[in-house]
N, C-alpha and C. Protein backbone atom coordinates (compact mmCIF):
# COMPACT_ATOMS: atom_id res chain seq x y z
N MET A 1 0.85 -1.17 0.00
CA MET A 1 0.00 0.00 0.00
C MET A 1 0.89 1.24 0.00
N ILE A 2 0.57 2.20 -0.86
CA ILE A 2 1.29 3.46 -0.93
C ILE A 2 0.26 4.57 -0.77
N PHE A 3 0.57 5.51 0.13
CA PHE A 3 -0.33 6.64 0.30
C PHE A 3 0.45 7.85 0.79
N THR A 4 -0.21 9.00 0.78
CA THR A 4 0.41 10.25 1.19
C THR A 4 -0.43 10.89 2.27
N ILE A 5 0.24 11.41 3.27
CA ILE A 5 -0.43 12.24 4.27
C ILE A 5 0.12 13.65 4.07
N TYR A 6 -0.73 14.56 3.66
CA TYR A 6 -0.30 15.93 3.43
C TYR A 6 -0.22 16.71 4.74
N ASN A 7 0.53 17.78 4.75
CA ASN A 7 0.78 18.53 5.98
C ASN A 7 -0.49 18.93 6.71
N ASP A 8 -1.48 19.44 5.98
CA ASP A 8 -2.72 19.85 6.65
C ASP A 8 -3.38 18.69 7.37
N GLU A 9 -3.35 17.51 6.73
CA GLU A 9 -3.95 16.33 7.35
C GLU A 9 -3.12 15.86 8.54
N LEU A 10 -1.80 16.01 8.45
CA LEU A 10 -0.91 15.60 9.53
C LEU A 10 -1.24 16.36 10.81
N PHE A 11 -1.49 17.67 10.69
CA PHE A 11 -1.87 18.45 11.86
C PHE A 11 -3.15 17.89 12.47
N SER A 12 -4.09 17.55 11.62
CA SER A 12 -5.36 17.03 12.09
C SER A 12 -5.19 15.66 12.75
N LEU A 13 -4.42 14.79 12.11
CA LEU A 13 -4.21 13.45 12.66
C LEU A 13 -3.47 13.50 14.00
N ASN A 14 -2.56 14.47 14.14
CA ASN A 14 -1.81 14.62 15.39
C ASN A 14 -2.56 15.46 16.41
N GLU A 15 -3.73 15.92 16.03
CA GLU A 15 -4.54 16.77 16.90
C GLU A 15 -3.75 17.97 17.39
N SER A 16 -3.01 18.59 16.48
CA SER A 16 -2.24 19.78 16.83
C SER A 16 -2.77 20.95 16.04
N GLU A 17 -2.53 22.14 16.56
CA GLU A 17 -3.06 23.35 15.95
C GLU A 17 -2.21 23.75 14.76
N ASN A 18 -2.86 24.03 13.64
CA ASN A 18 -2.18 24.52 12.46
C ASN A 18 -2.29 26.03 12.45
N HIS A 19 -1.19 26.71 12.77
CA HIS A 19 -1.21 28.16 12.83
C HIS A 19 -1.41 28.74 11.44
N ILE A 20 -2.30 29.68 11.33
CA ILE A 20 -2.56 30.36 10.06
C ILE A 20 -1.98 31.77 10.19
N PHE A 21 -1.07 32.11 9.28
CA PHE A 21 -0.45 33.42 9.30
C PHE A 21 -0.96 34.24 8.13
N PRO A 22 -1.03 35.56 8.28
CA PRO A 22 -1.45 36.40 7.15
C PRO A 22 -0.51 36.20 5.96
N LYS A 23 -1.05 36.46 4.77
CA LYS A 23 -0.31 36.26 3.52
C LYS A 23 1.05 36.95 3.59
N TYR A 24 2.07 36.23 3.14
CA TYR A 24 3.48 36.65 3.05
C TYR A 24 4.23 36.68 4.39
N THR A 25 3.52 36.73 5.52
CA THR A 25 4.23 36.90 6.80
C THR A 25 5.10 35.70 7.14
N SER A 26 4.60 34.50 6.90
CA SER A 26 5.39 33.31 7.21
C SER A 26 6.67 33.28 6.37
N GLN A 27 6.55 33.65 5.08
CA GLN A 27 7.72 33.69 4.21
C GLN A 27 8.74 34.70 4.72
N LEU A 28 8.26 35.87 5.14
CA LEU A 28 9.16 36.91 5.63
C LEU A 28 9.84 36.50 6.94
N ILE A 29 9.07 35.86 7.83
CA ILE A 29 9.67 35.39 9.09
C ILE A 29 10.71 34.31 8.80
N ASN A 30 10.39 33.42 7.88
CA ASN A 30 11.34 32.38 7.49
C ASN A 30 12.62 33.01 6.93
N TRP A 31 12.47 34.01 6.09
CA TRP A 31 13.61 34.71 5.49
C TRP A 31 14.44 35.40 6.58
N ALA A 32 13.75 36.06 7.51
CA ALA A 32 14.45 36.71 8.62
C ALA A 32 15.20 35.66 9.45
N ASN A 33 14.59 34.51 9.65
CA ASN A 33 15.22 33.43 10.41
C ASN A 33 16.47 32.92 9.70
N GLN A 34 16.42 32.82 8.37
CA GLN A 34 17.61 32.38 7.63
C GLN A 34 18.77 33.32 7.88
N ASN A 35 18.50 34.63 7.92
CA ASN A 35 19.55 35.60 8.21
C ASN A 35 19.99 35.56 9.67
N ALA A 36 19.04 35.46 10.56
CA ALA A 36 19.33 35.49 12.00
C ALA A 36 19.86 34.17 12.53
N GLN A 37 19.56 33.07 11.83
CA GLN A 37 19.91 31.72 12.27
C GLN A 37 19.37 31.45 13.69
N GLY A 38 18.13 31.91 13.89
CA GLY A 38 17.52 31.82 15.20
C GLY A 38 17.11 30.42 15.63
N THR A 39 16.89 29.53 14.67
CA THR A 39 16.46 28.17 15.05
C THR A 39 17.56 27.15 14.79
N ARG A 40 18.80 27.59 14.76
CA ARG A 40 19.92 26.66 14.62
C ARG A 40 20.08 25.86 15.92
N PRO A 41 20.70 24.67 15.83
CA PRO A 41 20.86 23.83 17.03
C PRO A 41 21.53 24.54 18.21
N ARG A 42 22.45 25.47 17.94
CA ARG A 42 23.11 26.16 19.06
C ARG A 42 22.13 27.05 19.83
N VAL A 43 20.99 27.39 19.21
CA VAL A 43 19.99 28.22 19.87
C VAL A 43 18.87 27.37 20.46
N VAL A 44 18.31 26.46 19.67
CA VAL A 44 17.12 25.71 20.11
C VAL A 44 17.39 24.23 20.35
N GLY A 45 18.64 23.80 20.17
CA GLY A 45 18.95 22.38 20.34
C GLY A 45 18.76 21.62 19.04
N GLN A 46 19.29 20.40 19.00
CA GLN A 46 19.18 19.55 17.81
C GLN A 46 17.85 18.81 17.89
N LEU A 47 16.82 19.40 17.30
CA LEU A 47 15.45 18.88 17.45
C LEU A 47 15.30 17.48 16.92
N SER A 48 16.02 17.13 15.86
CA SER A 48 15.91 15.78 15.30
C SER A 48 16.45 14.73 16.25
N GLU A 49 17.25 15.13 17.22
CA GLU A 49 17.72 14.20 18.26
C GLU A 49 16.89 14.32 19.52
N LEU A 50 16.46 15.54 19.83
CA LEU A 50 15.70 15.76 21.06
C LEU A 50 14.34 15.09 21.03
N PHE A 51 13.63 15.16 19.88
CA PHE A 51 12.29 14.59 19.85
C PHE A 51 12.31 13.07 20.05
N PRO A 52 13.19 12.32 19.38
CA PRO A 52 13.25 10.88 19.67
C PRO A 52 13.59 10.58 21.14
N GLU A 53 14.46 11.43 21.72
CA GLU A 53 14.79 11.27 23.14
C GLU A 53 13.54 11.47 24.00
N TYR A 54 12.76 12.48 23.65
CA TYR A 54 11.50 12.73 24.34
C TYR A 54 10.56 11.53 24.20
N GLU A 55 10.42 11.01 22.97
CA GLU A 55 9.51 9.89 22.72
C GLU A 55 9.87 8.67 23.58
N GLU A 56 11.17 8.41 23.74
CA GLU A 56 11.61 7.27 24.54
C GLU A 56 11.20 7.41 26.00
N GLN A 57 11.19 8.64 26.50
CA GLN A 57 10.92 8.87 27.92
C GLN A 57 9.44 9.12 28.22
N ALA A 58 8.66 9.47 27.21
CA ALA A 58 7.28 9.89 27.44
C ALA A 58 6.36 8.69 27.66
N ASP A 59 5.45 8.84 28.63
CA ASP A 59 4.42 7.84 28.84
C ASP A 59 3.30 8.02 27.82
N ASP A 60 2.97 9.28 27.56
CA ASP A 60 1.91 9.60 26.62
C ASP A 60 2.41 10.74 25.73
N VAL A 61 2.66 10.45 24.48
CA VAL A 61 3.22 11.44 23.56
C VAL A 61 2.11 12.39 23.12
N THR A 62 2.19 13.61 23.63
CA THR A 62 1.22 14.65 23.25
C THR A 62 2.00 15.94 23.00
N ILE A 63 1.37 16.84 22.31
CA ILE A 63 2.04 18.11 22.01
C ILE A 63 2.28 18.91 23.29
N ASP A 64 1.34 18.86 24.22
CA ASP A 64 1.51 19.58 25.48
C ASP A 64 2.66 18.98 26.30
N ASP A 65 2.75 17.66 26.32
CA ASP A 65 3.82 16.99 27.06
C ASP A 65 5.18 17.29 26.42
N TRP A 66 5.22 17.27 25.09
CA TRP A 66 6.46 17.61 24.36
C TRP A 66 6.88 19.04 24.69
N ALA A 67 5.92 19.99 24.69
CA ALA A 67 6.23 21.39 24.99
C ALA A 67 6.82 21.52 26.39
N GLU A 68 6.23 20.81 27.33
CA GLU A 68 6.73 20.86 28.72
C GLU A 68 8.13 20.25 28.82
N TRP A 69 8.32 19.08 28.21
CA TRP A 69 9.62 18.38 28.24
C TRP A 69 10.70 19.25 27.63
N TYR A 70 10.40 19.84 26.46
CA TYR A 70 11.38 20.66 25.76
C TYR A 70 11.72 21.91 26.57
N THR A 71 10.71 22.58 27.10
CA THR A 71 10.91 23.84 27.83
C THR A 71 11.71 23.62 29.11
N GLU A 72 11.55 22.48 29.74
CA GLU A 72 12.37 22.18 30.93
C GLU A 72 13.85 22.12 30.57
N ARG A 73 14.17 21.61 29.40
CA ARG A 73 15.57 21.44 28.99
C ARG A 73 16.13 22.70 28.33
N TYR A 74 15.29 23.45 27.66
CA TYR A 74 15.71 24.67 26.96
C TYR A 74 14.77 25.82 27.35
N PRO A 75 14.88 26.28 28.59
CA PRO A 75 13.91 27.26 29.08
C PRO A 75 13.94 28.61 28.36
N TYR A 76 15.05 28.99 27.76
CA TYR A 76 15.15 30.30 27.12
C TYR A 76 15.19 30.23 25.60
N ALA A 77 15.17 29.05 25.04
CA ALA A 77 15.38 28.88 23.60
C ALA A 77 14.33 29.59 22.75
N ILE A 78 13.07 29.46 23.09
CA ILE A 78 12.01 30.07 22.29
C ILE A 78 12.16 31.59 22.30
N GLU A 79 12.42 32.16 23.47
CA GLU A 79 12.59 33.62 23.57
C GLU A 79 13.86 34.07 22.86
N ASP A 80 14.94 33.33 23.02
CA ASP A 80 16.20 33.69 22.35
C ASP A 80 16.03 33.67 20.83
N ALA A 81 15.40 32.61 20.33
CA ALA A 81 15.17 32.51 18.88
C ALA A 81 14.26 33.64 18.41
N THR A 82 13.21 33.92 19.18
CA THR A 82 12.28 35.00 18.84
C THR A 82 13.00 36.34 18.77
N ASP A 83 13.86 36.62 19.75
CA ASP A 83 14.60 37.88 19.76
C ASP A 83 15.50 38.01 18.53
N LYS A 84 16.22 36.94 18.22
CA LYS A 84 17.12 36.96 17.06
C LYS A 84 16.33 37.22 15.77
N ILE A 85 15.23 36.51 15.60
CA ILE A 85 14.44 36.62 14.38
C ILE A 85 13.75 37.98 14.30
N PHE A 86 13.21 38.45 15.42
CA PHE A 86 12.48 39.72 15.39
C PHE A 86 13.42 40.88 15.06
N THR A 87 14.65 40.81 15.50
CA THR A 87 15.64 41.84 15.14
C THR A 87 15.79 41.89 13.63
N GLN A 88 15.84 40.72 13.00
CA GLN A 88 15.95 40.69 11.54
C GLN A 88 14.67 41.16 10.87
N VAL A 89 13.53 40.87 11.45
CA VAL A 89 12.26 41.36 10.90
C VAL A 89 12.28 42.89 10.90
N GLU A 90 12.75 43.48 11.98
CA GLU A 90 12.85 44.94 12.05
C GLU A 90 13.79 45.47 10.97
N ASN A 91 14.90 44.77 10.74
CA ASN A 91 15.83 45.16 9.68
C ASN A 91 15.15 45.08 8.31
N LEU A 92 14.34 44.02 8.11
CA LEU A 92 13.62 43.89 6.84
C LEU A 92 12.60 45.01 6.67
N LYS A 93 11.92 45.38 7.74
CA LYS A 93 10.96 46.49 7.66
C LYS A 93 11.66 47.76 7.20
N ASP A 94 12.83 48.02 7.78
CA ASP A 94 13.59 49.21 7.39
C ASP A 94 14.02 49.12 5.93
N ALA A 95 14.51 47.95 5.54
CA ALA A 95 15.03 47.77 4.18
C ALA A 95 13.93 47.86 3.13
N ILE A 96 12.76 47.31 3.42
CA ILE A 96 11.69 47.29 2.42
C ILE A 96 11.21 48.70 2.08
N GLN A 97 11.37 49.62 3.03
CA GLN A 97 10.98 51.01 2.78
C GLN A 97 11.90 51.66 1.73
N LEU A 98 13.10 51.11 1.56
CA LEU A 98 14.06 51.65 0.60
C LEU A 98 13.84 51.16 -0.83
N ILE A 99 13.02 50.11 -0.97
CA ILE A 99 12.85 49.47 -2.28
C ILE A 99 11.79 50.20 -3.09
N ASP A 100 12.21 50.67 -4.27
CA ASP A 100 11.26 51.25 -5.22
C ASP A 100 11.41 50.49 -6.54
N ARG A 101 10.62 50.88 -7.54
CA ARG A 101 10.65 50.15 -8.81
C ARG A 101 12.02 50.21 -9.47
N ASP A 102 12.69 51.35 -9.39
CA ASP A 102 14.02 51.48 -9.99
C ASP A 102 15.01 50.50 -9.36
N MET A 103 14.92 50.33 -8.04
CA MET A 103 15.82 49.40 -7.37
C MET A 103 15.52 47.96 -7.79
N VAL A 104 14.24 47.61 -7.93
CA VAL A 104 13.87 46.27 -8.37
C VAL A 104 14.42 46.03 -9.78
N ARG A 105 14.30 47.03 -10.66
CA ARG A 105 14.84 46.89 -12.02
C ARG A 105 16.35 46.70 -11.98
N GLU A 106 17.03 47.48 -11.15
CA GLU A 106 18.49 47.36 -11.01
C GLU A 106 18.86 45.96 -10.51
N TRP A 107 18.07 45.44 -9.57
CA TRP A 107 18.32 44.10 -9.02
C TRP A 107 18.16 43.03 -10.11
N VAL A 108 17.08 43.16 -10.90
CA VAL A 108 16.83 42.20 -11.98
C VAL A 108 17.95 42.27 -13.01
N GLU A 109 18.36 43.48 -13.37
CA GLU A 109 19.44 43.65 -14.34
C GLU A 109 20.75 43.04 -13.81
N ASP A 110 21.02 43.27 -12.53
CA ASP A 110 22.22 42.71 -11.91
C ASP A 110 22.19 41.19 -11.97
N LEU A 111 21.02 40.60 -11.69
CA LEU A 111 20.90 39.14 -11.72
C LEU A 111 21.05 38.61 -13.15
N VAL A 112 20.25 39.15 -14.05
CA VAL A 112 20.18 38.62 -15.41
C VAL A 112 21.44 38.93 -16.22
N ILE A 113 21.98 40.11 -16.08
CA ILE A 113 23.13 40.51 -16.89
C ILE A 113 24.44 40.25 -16.14
N THR A 114 24.68 40.97 -15.06
CA THR A 114 25.98 40.93 -14.39
C THR A 114 26.29 39.58 -13.76
N LYS A 115 25.40 39.08 -12.92
CA LYS A 115 25.68 37.82 -12.22
C LYS A 115 25.73 36.64 -13.19
N THR A 116 24.88 36.65 -14.19
CA THR A 116 24.92 35.59 -15.19
C THR A 116 26.25 35.63 -15.93
N PHE A 117 26.67 36.81 -16.35
CA PHE A 117 27.94 36.95 -17.05
C PHE A 117 29.09 36.45 -16.18
N ASN A 118 29.15 36.95 -14.94
CA ASN A 118 30.24 36.56 -14.05
C ASN A 118 30.16 35.11 -13.62
N GLY A 119 28.96 34.58 -13.54
CA GLY A 119 28.81 33.19 -13.13
C GLY A 119 29.11 32.20 -14.24
N LEU A 120 28.81 32.60 -15.47
CA LEU A 120 28.98 31.66 -16.58
C LEU A 120 30.24 31.91 -17.40
N TYR A 121 30.78 33.12 -17.37
CA TYR A 121 31.98 33.41 -18.14
C TYR A 121 33.15 33.52 -17.18
N VAL A 122 33.78 32.39 -16.94
CA VAL A 122 34.84 32.34 -15.93
C VAL A 122 36.23 32.24 -16.53
N GLN A 123 36.34 31.89 -17.80
CA GLN A 123 37.64 31.65 -18.41
C GLN A 123 38.58 32.86 -18.25
N LYS A 124 38.08 34.04 -18.61
CA LYS A 124 38.92 35.23 -18.57
C LYS A 124 39.42 35.52 -17.16
N SER A 125 38.52 35.45 -16.17
CA SER A 125 38.93 35.75 -14.80
C SER A 125 39.93 34.72 -14.28
N ILE A 126 39.76 33.45 -14.65
CA ILE A 126 40.70 32.42 -14.21
C ILE A 126 42.07 32.64 -14.86
N LEU A 127 42.10 32.90 -16.16
CA LEU A 127 43.36 33.17 -16.84
C LEU A 127 44.05 34.40 -16.25
N ARG A 128 43.28 35.43 -16.01
CA ARG A 128 43.84 36.67 -15.45
C ARG A 128 44.45 36.40 -14.07
N LYS A 129 43.78 35.57 -13.25
CA LYS A 129 44.29 35.26 -11.90
C LYS A 129 45.57 34.42 -11.99
N ILE A 130 45.59 33.43 -12.88
CA ILE A 130 46.80 32.61 -13.06
C ILE A 130 47.96 33.51 -13.51
N ALA A 131 47.68 34.41 -14.45
CA ALA A 131 48.71 35.33 -14.94
C ALA A 131 49.23 36.23 -13.81
N GLU A 132 48.33 36.68 -12.97
CA GLU A 132 48.70 37.52 -11.83
C GLU A 132 49.62 36.75 -10.90
N ILE A 133 49.27 35.49 -10.60
CA ILE A 133 50.07 34.65 -9.71
C ILE A 133 51.45 34.39 -10.32
N LYS A 134 51.50 34.13 -11.61
CA LYS A 134 52.76 33.79 -12.29
C LYS A 134 53.55 35.02 -12.76
N GLY A 135 52.96 36.20 -12.67
CA GLY A 135 53.64 37.41 -13.10
C GLY A 135 53.84 37.47 -14.61
N ARG A 136 52.86 36.98 -15.35
CA ARG A 136 52.95 36.96 -16.82
C ARG A 136 51.71 37.60 -17.42
N ASN A 137 51.74 37.80 -18.72
CA ASN A 137 50.57 38.29 -19.45
C ASN A 137 49.68 37.11 -19.80
N TYR A 138 48.43 37.41 -20.14
CA TYR A 138 47.51 36.36 -20.58
C TYR A 138 46.77 36.86 -21.80
N ARG A 139 46.21 35.92 -22.52
CA ARG A 139 45.31 36.27 -23.62
C ARG A 139 44.33 35.12 -23.82
N LEU A 140 43.16 35.46 -24.33
CA LEU A 140 42.17 34.44 -24.67
C LEU A 140 42.57 33.78 -25.98
N ALA A 141 42.09 32.58 -26.18
CA ALA A 141 42.43 31.82 -27.39
C ALA A 141 41.72 32.40 -28.61
N THR A 142 42.34 32.21 -29.76
CA THR A 142 41.70 32.54 -31.03
C THR A 142 40.69 31.44 -31.35
N PRO A 143 39.78 31.66 -32.28
CA PRO A 143 38.84 30.59 -32.66
C PRO A 143 39.57 29.31 -33.09
N GLU A 144 40.67 29.46 -33.81
CA GLU A 144 41.42 28.27 -34.25
C GLU A 144 41.99 27.52 -33.04
N GLU A 145 42.51 28.26 -32.06
CA GLU A 145 43.07 27.63 -30.85
C GLU A 145 41.94 26.99 -30.03
N GLU A 146 40.80 27.66 -29.98
CA GLU A 146 39.65 27.10 -29.26
C GLU A 146 39.24 25.76 -29.85
N SER A 147 39.34 25.62 -31.18
CA SER A 147 38.98 24.36 -31.82
C SER A 147 39.93 23.24 -31.42
N GLN A 148 41.07 23.59 -30.85
CA GLN A 148 42.04 22.59 -30.36
C GLN A 148 41.87 22.36 -28.85
N GLY A 149 40.86 22.97 -28.25
CA GLY A 149 40.61 22.77 -26.83
C GLY A 149 41.34 23.75 -25.93
N ILE A 150 41.87 24.79 -26.49
CA ILE A 150 42.61 25.79 -25.71
C ILE A 150 41.67 26.97 -25.44
N ASP A 151 41.62 27.37 -24.16
CA ASP A 151 40.80 28.54 -23.81
C ASP A 151 41.61 29.81 -23.73
N GLY A 152 42.91 29.70 -23.48
CA GLY A 152 43.74 30.88 -23.40
C GLY A 152 45.17 30.53 -23.06
N PHE A 153 45.99 31.56 -22.99
CA PHE A 153 47.41 31.39 -22.70
C PHE A 153 47.81 32.29 -21.54
N VAL A 154 48.74 31.79 -20.73
CA VAL A 154 49.44 32.61 -19.76
C VAL A 154 50.90 32.52 -20.18
N GLY A 155 51.45 33.65 -20.58
CA GLY A 155 52.75 33.60 -21.24
C GLY A 155 52.55 32.83 -22.54
N LEU A 156 53.39 31.82 -22.75
CA LEU A 156 53.26 30.98 -23.95
C LEU A 156 52.55 29.66 -23.66
N LYS A 157 52.16 29.45 -22.42
CA LYS A 157 51.58 28.17 -22.00
C LYS A 157 50.07 28.15 -22.26
N PRO A 158 49.59 27.13 -23.00
CA PRO A 158 48.15 27.02 -23.26
C PRO A 158 47.40 26.37 -22.09
N TYR A 159 46.19 26.85 -21.86
CA TYR A 159 45.35 26.33 -20.79
C TYR A 159 43.97 25.98 -21.35
N SER A 160 43.42 24.88 -20.83
CA SER A 160 42.05 24.51 -21.11
C SER A 160 41.30 24.57 -19.79
N ILE A 161 40.21 25.33 -19.74
CA ILE A 161 39.49 25.58 -18.49
C ILE A 161 38.14 24.89 -18.56
N LYS A 162 37.90 24.01 -17.59
CA LYS A 162 36.67 23.20 -17.58
C LYS A 162 36.08 23.16 -16.18
N PRO A 163 34.76 22.96 -16.08
CA PRO A 163 34.17 22.73 -14.76
C PRO A 163 34.67 21.41 -14.20
N ASP A 164 34.68 21.27 -12.88
CA ASP A 164 35.21 20.05 -12.26
C ASP A 164 34.46 18.80 -12.70
N THR A 165 33.22 18.95 -13.14
CA THR A 165 32.44 17.80 -13.61
C THR A 165 33.05 17.19 -14.87
N TYR A 166 33.89 17.96 -15.55
CA TYR A 166 34.54 17.50 -16.77
C TYR A 166 35.47 16.32 -16.49
N LYS A 167 35.98 16.25 -15.26
CA LYS A 167 36.91 15.16 -14.89
C LYS A 167 36.24 13.79 -15.04
N THR A 168 34.96 13.73 -14.80
CA THR A 168 34.25 12.45 -14.87
C THR A 168 33.82 12.12 -16.29
N MET A 169 33.94 13.09 -17.18
CA MET A 169 33.59 12.85 -18.58
C MET A 169 34.85 12.46 -19.34
N GLY A 170 34.69 12.11 -20.59
CA GLY A 170 35.85 11.77 -21.42
C GLY A 170 36.68 13.00 -21.71
N ARG A 171 37.96 12.85 -21.78
CA ARG A 171 38.87 13.96 -22.11
C ARG A 171 38.69 14.38 -23.56
N LEU A 172 39.38 15.44 -23.93
CA LEU A 172 39.36 15.88 -25.33
C LEU A 172 39.83 14.75 -26.22
N SER A 173 39.19 14.59 -27.35
CA SER A 173 39.55 13.48 -28.24
C SER A 173 40.95 13.67 -28.83
N GLU A 174 41.33 14.92 -29.12
CA GLU A 174 42.67 15.14 -29.67
C GLU A 174 43.67 15.31 -28.52
N THR A 175 44.90 14.96 -28.77
CA THR A 175 45.94 15.10 -27.76
C THR A 175 46.72 16.37 -28.06
N ILE A 176 46.68 17.30 -27.09
CA ILE A 176 47.43 18.54 -27.25
C ILE A 176 48.20 18.81 -25.98
N ASP A 177 49.24 19.58 -26.12
CA ASP A 177 50.06 19.93 -24.97
C ASP A 177 49.42 21.13 -24.29
N VAL A 178 48.52 20.86 -23.36
CA VAL A 178 47.76 21.92 -22.72
C VAL A 178 47.64 21.61 -21.23
N THR A 179 47.68 22.64 -20.43
CA THR A 179 47.50 22.48 -18.99
C THR A 179 46.01 22.59 -18.68
N MET A 180 45.49 21.59 -17.97
CA MET A 180 44.07 21.59 -17.63
C MET A 180 43.85 22.40 -16.35
N VAL A 181 42.79 23.18 -16.36
CA VAL A 181 42.36 23.94 -15.19
C VAL A 181 40.92 23.55 -14.92
N TYR A 182 40.63 23.13 -13.68
CA TYR A 182 39.27 22.76 -13.30
C TYR A 182 38.77 23.75 -12.27
N TYR A 183 37.53 24.13 -12.41
CA TYR A 183 36.94 25.04 -11.42
C TYR A 183 35.66 24.43 -10.86
N THR A 184 35.44 24.74 -9.60
CA THR A 184 34.22 24.33 -8.91
C THR A 184 33.52 25.59 -8.44
N LYS A 185 32.27 25.74 -8.83
CA LYS A 185 31.50 26.90 -8.38
C LYS A 185 30.96 26.61 -6.99
N LYS A 186 31.21 27.53 -6.09
CA LYS A 186 30.68 27.43 -4.73
C LYS A 186 29.91 28.70 -4.44
N LYS A 187 29.20 28.69 -3.35
CA LYS A 187 28.41 29.85 -2.98
C LYS A 187 29.30 31.08 -2.81
N THR A 188 30.52 30.86 -2.34
CA THR A 188 31.42 31.96 -2.05
C THR A 188 32.30 32.35 -3.23
N GLY A 189 32.30 31.60 -4.32
CA GLY A 189 33.13 31.92 -5.47
C GLY A 189 33.57 30.68 -6.22
N LEU A 190 34.78 30.70 -6.76
CA LEU A 190 35.30 29.58 -7.54
C LEU A 190 36.49 28.96 -6.83
N THR A 191 36.55 27.64 -6.83
CA THR A 191 37.75 26.92 -6.40
C THR A 191 38.42 26.42 -7.67
N ILE A 192 39.67 26.76 -7.81
CA ILE A 192 40.43 26.46 -9.05
C ILE A 192 41.48 25.42 -8.78
N GLU A 193 41.59 24.43 -9.66
CA GLU A 193 42.63 23.42 -9.58
C GLU A 193 43.38 23.43 -10.92
N VAL A 194 44.67 23.75 -10.86
CA VAL A 194 45.50 23.81 -12.06
C VAL A 194 46.39 22.57 -12.07
N GLU A 195 46.28 21.76 -13.12
CA GLU A 195 47.14 20.58 -13.24
C GLU A 195 48.47 21.03 -13.83
N GLU A 196 49.48 21.11 -12.98
CA GLU A 196 50.81 21.54 -13.45
C GLU A 196 51.69 20.33 -13.66
């Protein structure tokens, strides 16, 4: 047998209250919490471990009993998390007053044009950084050189720049004397590996 219990039904089956928040407020509180990190384990405990611990000790598993058990162990956690998140909500209130249509357009342009360009066109920045490290000039490959798998040169040395996923794929079919550079995109930037 395969079936699904949806969240709304889960609240009903557990006989727990499903809080209804005004439109957009839950999303904004969640966003503020992501910034504030108010419900991280260091603030509220590791809930995925605490609840099973509670279940083992409980005679009758109820939401009221869970609330009492949790509060005895973390008496200030709810207030601490609330304070952290509410501070961020206040920051969001201040920030949202600054947003006008022009700023939204600038944000969209930055995402679509600038961030896309910088996120997807990495060859030049990688070559420039390698050249900076080696104290040499760089240049991008000509179309003819590109057809040989070369993305650019630092000094006279040819480089081929590929995402790290390229390692698991087949190499270039032709054999050329080229130094491979692999990059990994991370939230904070690029991690570069140069095969010397």
